[in-house]
Amino acid sequence: MKRLLALALSFVLSAHAEKLTLDQALDKALATDQSIAIAATEAGKAALEPRSALVRMMPTLTGNAGATRNDRNGSGTTGTANGVTSNGTASITLDQPLIDLSLAPAIRRGKLISESARLQYLNAIRQTLFAVTTAFYDVLEQERIVAVDLEAVKLAEENLTIADKRAKAGAVTRTDVLRATASLEENRRSLIVSQSTLDLKRNILANILNLRGNRDFILVEPASATGADPAFNTLLDTAYAHREDLRATELVIQQQIERRQEIKGQYGPKLGAQLSASSSSASQDRDSNEWQAGFSVRMPFMTGGQRKLDLKGADYDIQQARLAFEQERKAVQEEVMNAWVEVRTLRETIVALQAQVTAAEQSYKDLQTQYSAGTAKSIDVLAELKSLNAARKDLAVQTLGLQLALKRLDVVSGVFQEQRVQKAMKP
């Protein structure tokens, strides 16, 4: 198989192609992927939420200034009087909130929003790394398919040579040659399609890694995973404890609870202090300056039922968040079950396929030998060649599919590439 893979790669790579391991691909994605950068930006924005809530207790300073000019024309018993007056005012006011019962729940909700965004950022990193891994294995899988098609073309050429020799010797009719020719062209067409598919999959991987269209690389196949598969219940417990998307959904419940507390606080008493200074000047009077300080208490007694409606809406939001969390838990359970069953199925399938390929290879060799000796028909040889190619492709696809399925099992359990994910979170 290694010889076939090397031959397949020679069709699509130049002499200057560089080797690319899965670890290198993952590191490139961490450094350049736009999805990770967008998730990091969202986490940064969410980290501002607690500070945004705290701002409502910060002092505010407001300034005002104004000027007026009046022109008056008037007449009376004493004659005509004309006058122009101008006035100017300026003031500055300092407001300092002292008590706001909605502050504490708002800060707690902001921290929950920030933590939720952080978890979503972690999940985005993990999902991106798995997308790179999937694209990496897709290329490896297609390379194996190309290798099988190359071998099929070689075997079809051998069959055509044998059929041509036997036809010239008068042992078979020209029909055998035509059948062998048709088989060769069919396999060539399959090779062209698989090579084109390989080129497309290499382009997908190059785009994910931001290689700017450079598809000139040789993938190094990772070592196969070994060891026994964990029990389903163990995987499920791990998923419930580590899945960032599930934990973020659970935090939404707490966010809505704090939101309800915040609404209650908004309808509670508020205490504030004000300090203001003003100055005014008039063209006909002396300038005057004054300042004043005071406290204010705001307490809504009648809200027209708005407080009750707001609290009722908050109760619905809490209920909805809890239902969404339960729904997410069920989705996680299904994902873990599907991944676990897929791994178990692939392990058993590969054993059967290995036996099938071994039997097909021996059957094809026997039929080809018998055809050369004149004791078998060409149609049987060509049919067996088609069965052999199909079995080889299935084995190649399922073998790499098992390795990817094992990694998917880590993804649904929330532990895929844990070290890289945590390292990426550090500044």
Protein backbone atom coordinates (compact mmCIF):
# COMPACT_ATOMS: atom_id res chain seq x y z
CA MET A 1 0.00 0.00 0.00
CA LYS A 2 2.86 2.42 0.76
CA ARG A 3 4.26 1.92 -2.75
CA LEU A 4 0.86 2.63 -4.24
CA LEU A 5 0.42 5.75 -2.14
CA ALA A 6 3.80 7.05 -3.24
CA LEU A 7 2.83 6.45 -6.85
CA ALA A 8 -0.49 8.20 -6.33
CA LEU A 9 1.16 11.24 -4.80
CA SER A 10 3.48 11.58 -7.75
CA PHE A 11 0.45 12.45 -9.89
CA VAL A 12 -0.44 15.53 -7.88
CA LEU A 13 2.73 16.78 -6.16
CA SER A 14 5.90 18.44 -7.34
CA ALA A 15 9.43 17.63 -6.26
CA HIS A 16 9.37 20.58 -3.83
CA ALA A 17 6.37 19.42 -1.80
CA GLU A 18 6.80 19.66 1.98
CA LYS A 19 5.59 17.17 4.54
CA LEU A 20 2.69 18.20 6.74
CA THR A 21 1.79 16.36 9.93
CA LEU A 22 -1.56 16.56 11.68
CA ASP A 23 0.03 18.39 14.62
CA GLN A 24 1.47 21.01 12.27
CA ALA A 25 -1.91 21.42 10.60
CA LEU A 26 -3.62 21.93 13.95
CA ASP A 27 -1.04 24.52 15.01
CA LYS A 28 -1.51 26.40 11.74
CA ALA A 29 -5.26 26.48 12.31
CA LEU A 30 -4.84 27.85 15.82
CA ALA A 31 -2.65 30.64 14.49
CA THR A 32 -4.65 31.64 11.41
CA ASP A 33 -8.25 30.42 11.51
CA GLN A 34 -10.85 33.19 11.24
CA SER A 35 -13.54 31.28 13.17
CA ILE A 36 -11.30 31.11 16.23
CA ALA A 37 -10.46 34.80 15.92
CA ILE A 38 -14.16 35.70 15.70
CA ALA A 39 -14.95 33.61 18.78
CA ALA A 40 -12.09 35.31 20.64
CA THR A 41 -13.52 38.70 19.74
CA GLU A 42 -16.95 37.71 21.01
CA ALA A 43 -15.40 36.49 24.27
CA GLY A 44 -13.58 39.81 24.61
CA LYS A 45 -16.80 41.74 24.10
CA ALA A 46 -18.64 39.59 26.63
CA ALA A 47 -15.88 40.21 29.20
CA LEU A 48 -16.97 43.86 29.23
CA GLU A 49 -20.42 42.99 30.59
CA PRO A 50 -19.56 43.12 34.34
CA ARG A 51 -17.81 46.46 33.89
CA SER A 52 -20.76 47.74 31.88
CA ALA A 53 -23.07 46.90 34.79
CA LEU A 54 -20.76 48.62 37.28
CA VAL A 55 -20.72 51.83 35.23
CA ARG A 56 -24.28 52.65 36.32
CA MET A 57 -22.90 53.44 39.81
CA MET A 58 -20.18 55.75 38.56
CA PRO A 59 -20.59 59.54 39.00
CA THR A 60 -21.65 61.57 35.98
CA LEU A 61 -20.78 65.19 35.33
CA THR A 62 -23.03 67.31 33.11
CA GLY A 63 -22.46 70.85 31.90
CA ASN A 64 -24.92 73.32 30.38
CA ALA A 65 -24.43 76.77 28.89
CA GLY A 66 -26.74 79.24 27.19
CA ALA A 67 -26.96 82.85 26.01
CA THR A 68 -29.90 85.10 25.03
CA ARG A 69 -30.17 88.57 23.47
CA ASN A 70 -33.34 90.65 23.43
CA ASP A 71 -33.97 93.74 21.31
CA ARG A 72 -36.97 95.84 22.45
CA ASN A 73 -38.70 98.76 20.74
CA GLY A 74 -41.53 100.43 22.62
CA SER A 75 -43.41 103.77 22.97
CA GLY A 76 -45.19 105.39 25.85
CA THR A 77 -46.43 108.74 27.12
CA THR A 78 -42.92 109.79 27.90
CA GLY A 79 -41.66 109.06 24.37
CA THR A 80 -39.93 106.26 22.63
CA ALA A 81 -37.55 103.86 24.46
CA ASN A 82 -35.19 101.47 22.78
CA GLY A 83 -33.20 98.79 24.71
CA VAL A 84 -31.01 95.77 24.22
CA THR A 85 -30.48 93.18 26.96
CA SER A 86 -28.32 90.06 26.95
CA ASN A 87 -28.14 87.18 29.42
CA GLY A 88 -25.76 84.25 29.81
CA THR A 89 -26.00 81.18 32.01
CA ALA A 90 -23.69 78.25 32.74
CA SER A 91 -24.10 75.33 35.09
CA ILE A 92 -22.39 72.07 35.99
CA THR A 93 -24.05 69.15 37.77
CA LEU A 94 -22.52 66.12 39.47
CA ASP A 95 -24.78 63.07 39.97
CA GLN A 96 -23.64 60.22 42.19
CA PRO A 97 -25.89 57.12 42.50
CA LEU A 98 -25.68 55.71 46.01
CA ILE A 99 -28.09 52.79 46.14
CA ASP A 100 -29.36 50.74 43.19
CA LEU A 101 -30.77 47.31 44.04
CA SER A 102 -30.40 46.13 40.43
CA LEU A 103 -26.60 46.55 40.49
CA ALA A 104 -25.56 43.30 42.21
CA PRO A 105 -27.64 40.95 40.02
CA ALA A 106 -26.54 42.90 36.93
CA ILE A 107 -22.88 42.36 37.82
CA ARG A 108 -23.47 38.66 38.50
CA ARG A 109 -25.33 38.29 35.20
CA GLY A 110 -22.47 40.04 33.40
CA LYS A 111 -19.98 37.58 34.86
CA LEU A 112 -22.17 34.68 33.75
CA ILE A 113 -22.37 36.12 30.23
CA SER A 114 -18.60 36.49 30.17
CA GLU A 115 -18.08 32.90 31.32
CA SER A 116 -20.59 31.61 28.79
CA ALA A 117 -18.73 33.39 25.98
CA ARG A 118 -15.46 31.93 27.23
CA LEU A 119 -16.92 28.42 27.09
CA GLN A 120 -18.24 29.08 23.58
CA TYR A 121 -14.76 30.24 22.60
CA LEU A 122 -13.29 26.98 23.90
CA ASN A 123 -15.91 25.03 21.97
CA ALA A 124 -15.13 27.01 18.79
CA ILE A 125 -11.45 26.11 19.13
CA ARG A 126 -12.25 22.44 19.64
CA GLN A 127 -14.70 22.30 16.72
CA THR A 128 -12.23 24.07 14.42
CA LEU A 129 -9.47 21.65 15.34
CA PHE A 130 -11.77 18.74 14.57
CA ALA A 131 -12.74 20.32 11.24
CA VAL A 132 -9.04 20.46 10.35
CA THR A 133 -8.63 16.84 11.46
CA THR A 134 -11.60 15.78 9.34
CA ALA A 135 -10.23 17.57 6.26
CA PHE A 136 -6.81 16.02 6.92
CA TYR A 137 -8.24 12.50 7.04
CA ASP A 138 -10.43 13.18 4.00
CA VAL A 139 -7.28 13.83 1.98
CA LEU A 140 -5.57 10.72 3.35
CA GLU A 141 -8.64 8.66 2.53
CA GLN A 142 -8.81 9.99 -1.02
CA GLU A 143 -5.11 9.31 -1.52
CA ARG A 144 -5.75 5.67 -0.68
CA ILE A 145 -8.64 5.55 -3.12
CA VAL A 146 -6.38 6.96 -5.84
CA ALA A 147 -3.80 4.31 -4.99
CA VAL A 148 -6.41 1.56 -5.34
CA ASP A 149 -7.52 2.98 -8.70
CA LEU A 150 -3.90 3.08 -9.89
CA GLU A 151 -3.50 -0.57 -9.00
CA ALA A 152 -6.80 -1.34 -10.75
CA VAL A 153 -5.53 0.32 -13.94
CA LYS A 154 -2.34 -1.73 -13.72
CA LEU A 155 -4.26 -4.99 -13.30
CA ALA A 156 -6.64 -4.06 -16.12
CA GLU A 157 -3.66 -3.45 -18.41
CA GLU A 158 -2.31 -6.90 -17.51
CA ASN A 159 -5.69 -8.44 -18.33
CA LEU A 160 -5.74 -6.67 -21.70
CA THR A 161 -2.25 -7.94 -22.49
CA ILE A 162 -3.24 -11.53 -21.66
CA ALA A 163 -6.48 -11.29 -23.65
CA ASP A 164 -4.67 -9.81 -26.65
CA LYS A 165 -2.05 -12.58 -26.65
CA ARG A 166 -4.69 -15.29 -26.40
CA ALA A 167 -6.78 -13.69 -29.15
CA LYS A 168 -3.76 -13.56 -31.48
CA ALA A 169 -3.09 -17.21 -30.68
CA GLY A 170 -6.68 -18.04 -31.58
CA ALA A 171 -7.51 -19.31 -28.08
CA VAL A 172 -10.27 -16.76 -27.52
CA THR A 173 -12.43 -14.51 -29.62
CA ARG A 174 -11.98 -10.78 -30.11
CA THR A 175 -14.77 -10.25 -27.59
CA ASP A 176 -12.36 -10.93 -24.74
CA VAL A 177 -10.06 -8.17 -25.95
CA LEU A 178 -12.94 -5.74 -26.22
CA ARG A 179 -14.13 -6.60 -22.71
CA ALA A 180 -10.63 -6.13 -21.33
CA THR A 181 -10.33 -2.81 -23.16
CA ALA A 182 -13.65 -1.62 -21.76
CA SER A 183 -12.54 -2.66 -18.27
CA LEU A 184 -9.28 -0.75 -18.65
CA GLU A 185 -11.02 2.43 -19.77
CA GLU A 186 -13.56 2.15 -16.98
CA ASN A 187 -10.77 1.95 -14.42
CA ARG A 188 -8.96 4.86 -16.06
CA ARG A 189 -12.10 6.93 -15.83
CA SER A 190 -12.44 6.02 -12.16
CA LEU A 191 -8.82 7.07 -11.63
CA ILE A 192 -9.44 10.46 -13.28
CA VAL A 193 -12.47 11.08 -11.06
CA SER A 194 -10.67 10.05 -7.87
CA GLN A 195 -7.65 12.23 -8.72
CA SER A 196 -9.93 15.21 -9.32
CA THR A 197 -11.70 14.56 -6.02
CA LEU A 198 -8.34 14.39 -4.30
CA ASP A 199 -7.38 17.76 -5.75
CA LEU A 200 -10.61 19.27 -4.43
CA LYS A 201 -10.13 17.83 -0.96
CA ARG A 202 -6.55 19.07 -0.85
CA ASN A 203 -7.84 22.51 -1.77
CA ILE A 204 -10.37 22.37 1.09
CA LEU A 205 -7.61 21.54 3.56
CA ALA A 206 -5.38 24.29 2.15
CA ASN A 207 -8.18 26.83 2.57
CA ILE A 208 -8.88 25.78 6.16
CA LEU A 209 -5.18 26.21 6.94
CA ASN A 210 -5.04 29.54 5.07
CA LEU A 211 -2.29 28.30 2.76
CA ARG A 212 -3.49 30.70 0.04
CA GLY A 213 -4.23 27.98 -2.50
CA ASN A 214 -0.96 26.10 -1.98
CA ARG A 215 -1.88 22.42 -2.35
CA ASP A 216 1.72 21.25 -2.72
CA PHE A 217 2.18 19.26 0.49
CA ILE A 218 2.59 15.64 1.51
CA LEU A 219 0.45 14.53 4.42
CA VAL A 220 2.08 12.32 7.02
CA GLU A 221 -0.42 9.77 8.27
CA PRO A 222 -0.79 9.89 12.07
CA ALA A 223 -0.15 6.81 14.16
CA SER A 224 -3.21 4.64 14.65
CA ALA A 225 -4.97 4.93 17.98
CA THR A 226 -4.60 1.90 20.21
CA GLY A 227 -6.21 0.66 23.38
CA ALA A 228 -9.66 -0.40 24.46
CA ASP A 229 -12.67 1.85 23.96
CA PRO A 230 -14.15 3.40 27.13
CA ALA A 231 -17.55 2.28 28.33
CA PHE A 232 -20.52 4.30 27.11
CA ASN A 233 -21.54 5.50 30.58
CA THR A 234 -18.01 6.71 31.24
CA LEU A 235 -18.00 8.67 28.00
CA LEU A 236 -21.39 10.17 28.76
CA ASP A 237 -20.32 11.29 32.24
CA THR A 238 -17.22 12.86 30.72
CA ALA A 239 -19.33 14.67 28.14
CA TYR A 240 -21.71 16.04 30.78
CA ALA A 241 -18.74 17.33 32.77
CA HIS A 242 -16.62 18.75 29.93
CA ARG A 243 -18.81 19.77 27.00
CA GLU A 244 -18.49 23.57 26.81
CA ASP A 245 -21.67 24.01 24.77
CA LEU A 246 -23.67 22.11 27.41
CA ARG A 247 -22.13 24.10 30.26
CA ALA A 248 -22.80 27.36 28.42
CA THR A 249 -26.46 26.36 28.01
CA GLU A 250 -26.67 25.64 31.73
CA LEU A 251 -25.25 29.09 32.52
CA VAL A 252 -28.11 30.66 30.58
CA ILE A 253 -30.46 29.45 33.34
CA GLN A 254 -28.46 31.36 35.95
CA GLN A 255 -28.34 34.39 33.67
CA GLN A 256 -32.12 34.47 33.43
CA ILE A 257 -32.47 34.06 37.20
CA GLU A 258 -30.16 37.03 37.75
CA ARG A 259 -32.07 38.94 35.10
CA ARG A 260 -35.26 38.46 37.13
CA GLN A 261 -33.49 39.76 40.23
CA GLU A 262 -32.29 42.72 38.22
CA ILE A 263 -35.86 43.54 37.17
CA LYS A 264 -36.98 43.42 40.80
CA GLY A 265 -34.17 45.79 41.70
CA GLN A 266 -35.13 48.22 38.95
CA TYR A 267 -38.51 48.68 40.62
CA GLY A 268 -36.93 49.15 44.05
CA PRO A 269 -35.87 52.42 45.73
CA LYS A 270 -32.91 54.31 44.31
CA LEU A 271 -30.86 56.82 46.25
CA GLY A 272 -28.63 59.43 44.68
CA ALA A 273 -26.76 62.62 45.49
CA GLN A 274 -26.49 65.75 43.35
CA LEU A 275 -24.16 68.69 43.48
CA SER A 276 -24.61 71.59 41.08
CA ALA A 277 -23.12 75.02 40.53
CA SER A 278 -24.43 77.71 38.23
CA SER A 279 -23.48 81.16 37.09
CA SER A 280 -25.53 83.80 35.27
CA SER A 281 -24.75 87.23 33.89
CA ALA A 282 -26.96 90.01 32.52
CA SER A 283 -26.10 93.21 30.73
CA GLN A 284 -28.06 95.32 33.18
CA ASP A 285 -27.57 93.34 36.41
CA ARG A 286 -24.70 92.03 38.43
CA ASP A 287 -23.35 88.53 37.81
CA SER A 288 -24.65 85.88 40.18
CA ASN A 289 -23.17 82.53 41.23
CA GLU A 290 -24.85 79.83 43.24
CA TRP A 291 -24.48 76.16 44.12
CA GLN A 292 -26.70 73.56 45.67
CA ALA A 293 -26.45 69.98 46.95
CA GLY A 294 -29.07 67.44 47.77
CA PHE A 295 -30.23 63.84 47.92
CA SER A 296 -32.98 62.19 45.94
CA VAL A 297 -34.95 59.01 46.52
CA ARG A 298 -36.88 57.39 43.70
CA MET A 299 -39.47 54.78 44.61
CA PRO A 300 -42.14 53.65 42.11
CA PHE A 301 -45.43 52.84 43.83
CA MET A 302 -47.72 52.35 40.82
CA THR A 303 -46.41 51.02 37.53
CA GLY A 304 -49.63 50.19 35.75
CA GLY A 305 -48.88 46.47 36.01
CA GLN A 306 -45.60 46.75 34.10
CA ARG A 307 -43.56 45.31 37.00
CA LYS A 308 -45.78 42.24 37.15
CA LEU A 309 -45.55 41.75 33.38
CA ASP A 310 -41.77 42.08 33.40
CA LEU A 311 -41.40 39.53 36.19
CA LYS A 312 -43.80 37.13 34.46
CA GLY A 313 -41.78 37.42 31.25
CA ALA A 314 -38.60 36.71 33.23
CA ASP A 315 -40.23 33.58 34.66
CA TYR A 316 -40.97 32.38 31.14
CA ASP A 317 -37.35 33.04 30.14
CA ILE A 318 -36.12 30.95 33.07
CA GLN A 319 -38.47 28.11 32.15
CA GLN A 320 -37.38 28.28 28.52
CA ALA A 321 -33.70 28.22 29.50
CA ARG A 322 -34.24 25.12 31.62
CA LEU A 323 -36.05 23.35 28.80
CA ALA A 324 -33.26 24.29 26.37
CA PHE A 325 -30.71 22.81 28.78
CA GLU A 326 -32.65 19.56 29.06
CA GLN A 327 -32.92 19.45 25.28
CA GLU A 328 -29.18 20.00 24.95
CA ARG A 329 -28.44 17.18 27.38
CA LYS A 330 -30.51 14.81 25.27
CA ALA A 331 -28.66 15.95 22.13
CA VAL A 332 -25.31 15.32 23.85
CA GLN A 333 -26.44 11.84 24.89
CA GLU A 334 -27.42 11.04 21.30
CA GLU A 335 -24.13 12.35 19.92
CA VAL A 336 -22.11 10.24 22.36
CA MET A 337 -24.20 7.16 21.60
CA ASN A 338 -23.87 7.63 17.83
CA ALA A 339 -20.10 8.12 18.05
CA TRP A 340 -19.67 5.15 20.39
CA VAL A 341 -21.73 2.84 18.17
CA GLU A 342 -19.87 4.06 15.08
CA VAL A 343 -16.51 3.11 16.58
CA ARG A 344 -17.76 -0.32 17.61
CA THR A 345 -19.30 -0.92 14.18
CA LEU A 346 -16.20 0.15 12.30
CA ARG A 347 -13.95 -2.12 14.36
CA GLU A 348 -16.08 -5.14 13.49
CA THR A 349 -16.49 -4.01 9.87
CA ILE A 350 -12.74 -3.69 9.32
CA VAL A 351 -12.15 -7.24 10.50
CA ALA A 352 -14.69 -8.50 7.97
CA LEU A 353 -13.27 -6.29 5.18
CA GLN A 354 -9.73 -7.49 5.79
CA ALA A 355 -10.88 -11.08 5.35
CA GLN A 356 -12.89 -10.05 2.28
CA VAL A 357 -9.89 -8.33 0.63
CA THR A 358 -7.63 -11.29 1.34
CA ALA A 359 -10.13 -13.69 -0.20
CA ALA A 360 -10.75 -11.38 -3.19
CA GLU A 361 -7.03 -11.02 -3.89
CA GLN A 362 -6.52 -14.77 -3.86
CA SER A 363 -9.63 -15.39 -5.95
CA TYR A 364 -8.50 -12.86 -8.54
CA LYS A 365 -5.03 -14.36 -8.78
CA ASP A 366 -6.49 -17.84 -9.20
CA LEU A 367 -8.94 -16.71 -11.89
CA GLN A 368 -6.26 -14.81 -13.77
CA THR A 369 -3.98 -17.88 -13.73
CA GLN A 370 -6.85 -20.08 -14.88
CA TYR A 371 -7.71 -17.63 -17.67
CA SER A 372 -4.12 -17.64 -18.87
CA ALA A 373 -4.34 -21.45 -18.94
CA GLY A 374 -7.66 -21.37 -20.76
CA THR A 375 -9.76 -22.83 -17.94
CA ALA A 376 -11.61 -19.63 -16.94
CA LYS A 377 -13.61 -16.97 -18.78
CA SER A 378 -12.51 -13.36 -19.12
CA ILE A 379 -15.84 -12.11 -17.87
CA ASP A 380 -15.23 -13.88 -14.55
CA VAL A 381 -11.77 -12.32 -14.24
CA LEU A 382 -13.10 -8.82 -14.92
CA ALA A 383 -15.98 -9.28 -12.49
CA GLU A 384 -13.57 -10.43 -9.80
CA LEU A 385 -11.31 -7.43 -10.50
CA LYS A 386 -14.26 -5.11 -9.92
CA SER A 387 -15.09 -6.88 -6.64
CA LEU A 388 -11.44 -6.67 -5.54
CA ASN A 389 -11.29 -2.93 -6.24
CA ALA A 390 -14.50 -2.29 -4.33
CA ALA A 391 -13.29 -4.31 -1.33
CA ARG A 392 -9.94 -2.51 -1.30
CA LYS A 393 -11.60 0.90 -1.42
CA ASP A 394 -14.01 -0.05 1.35
CA LEU A 395 -11.13 -1.22 3.53
CA ALA A 396 -9.13 1.95 2.90
CA VAL A 397 -12.11 4.18 3.68
CA GLN A 398 -13.23 2.29 6.78
CA THR A 399 -9.69 1.99 8.21
CA LEU A 400 -9.15 5.74 8.18
CA GLY A 401 -12.79 6.22 9.09
CA LEU A 402 -12.17 4.35 12.34
CA GLN A 403 -9.29 6.68 13.26
CA LEU A 404 -11.48 9.71 12.59
CA ALA A 405 -14.38 8.14 14.50
CA LEU A 406 -12.13 7.69 17.54
CA LYS A 407 -11.29 11.38 17.41
CA ARG A 408 -14.97 12.22 17.01
CA LEU A 409 -15.55 10.23 20.18
CA ASP A 410 -13.17 12.63 21.95
CA VAL A 411 -15.01 15.59 20.44
CA VAL A 412 -18.47 14.55 21.66
CA SER A 413 -16.93 13.79 25.06
CA GLY A 414 -15.47 17.30 25.25
CA VAL A 415 -11.83 16.24 25.60
CA PHE A 416 -10.54 16.44 22.02
CA GLN A 417 -7.12 18.16 21.85
CA GLU A 418 -7.55 19.37 25.43
CA GLN A 419 -3.97 20.60 25.80
CA ARG A 420 -4.12 22.64 22.60
CA VAL A 421 -7.48 24.10 23.51
CA GLN A 422 -6.29 25.23 26.94
CA LYS A 423 -3.03 26.52 25.53
CA ALA A 424 -4.88 28.57 22.94
CA MET A 425 -6.88 30.29 25.69
CA LYS A 426 -3.74 31.62 27.38
CA PRO A 427 -2.70 35.13 26.32
